Amino acid sequence: MKLSIVIPAYNEIESLPRLVEMIHQHTAAFAPYEILVIDDGSTDDSRVMLETMAAEDPCVGYVFFGRNYGKSAALATAFQRVRGEFVITMDADLQDDPAEIPRMIAKLEEGFDLVSGWKRERHDPITKTLPSKCWNALVRKVSGLKLHDFNCGFKAYRREVAESIRLYGEMHRYVPVLANWQGFRVTEIPVQHHARRFGQSKFGGRRFLNGIFDLLTVTFIARRSAAPLHFFGRIAFYLLAIGMAINLYFAGVWIVTQTLHVRPLMILGLILVILGFQFASLGLLGELMIHLRGGEEKYRIAAEKGARGE
């Protein structure tokens, strides 16, 4: 199978039939293909509608969640089931245009592993576009990956990428970052973005706070998980160095004056020493956990050739 199209959906009963129809119009050249809809605990009649669609259209499949788990869970579930050589993810609200799918696949065929959509002209209110620009600038700075739009759900993957990325929480925003840190070739192309026709946005203000936590998690896991003592040990070193310097100063004062009064700075020095030992302990515990699991770490091998033995 050449192509799998993944659509996470939550209460999108009005838009899904039209979206599937549009997909068929622009993907006939990639047949056979599959359209996999992950219903994320919809409370409308989406389930009945999807069952009817799947019975009438052999290209359509579905997964129903018992409750709303979020987009990352929907994508993770889909990535375990896709069969296509290439995987397209897109939102169900008709803001992503299926006419862009051939362009994205053509970009994959140039040798890229992940193609991310860039909604250069967004048809959303400023309450969404302005925070998004600030957020994208922060992620670019932290990750070092020069993309304009990390939040765009319209992406094309080689199946190897989809199978390699572990998603949970709200990590779907950082799929390009995770793929890039694993050594996959990541790029982006501008895509057409349409105004929402039905329903309303499912994302609230709390996603920005969750996004900060997830960015910290992604940064730590991707860069420091192989050697936790290197990360926590550096913090411990600086805390201990500052704390010991303060304590040595007060020790010198006591030697010279034979008197010593408890001061806030002295208490701060003791606290920093204690924190330093705690961070060192965290690093050692992390190293112990890696040792107990056998020190396994997944490495992406781009090519390999064994010895011929001649």
Foldseek 3Di string as FASTA:
>chain_A
DAEEEEEEDAQLQPQQVVVVVQLCVQCVVRPPYAYEYEYQAHPDCNVVVLVVVVVVDVRYHYHYDNHHFDDLVSLLVVLVPGDHQKYWYAYRQPQFGSNCVVVQVVVVVVPAFKEFEDQPPEPDDPVPVVVQQVVQVVLCVLLVDDDRGLQHRTMMGGSVLSVPDRTHDHCSSCSVSLCVLLPGGYYYDYGGGDDGDDDDDPDDPCVVVSVVVVSVVCSCCSPPLLQLLVVLVVQLVVLLVVLVVLVVVQVVVCVVVVDHDDDPSNVSSVVSNVVSVVSNVVRVVSVVVCVVVPSDDDHDDPDDDDDPPD
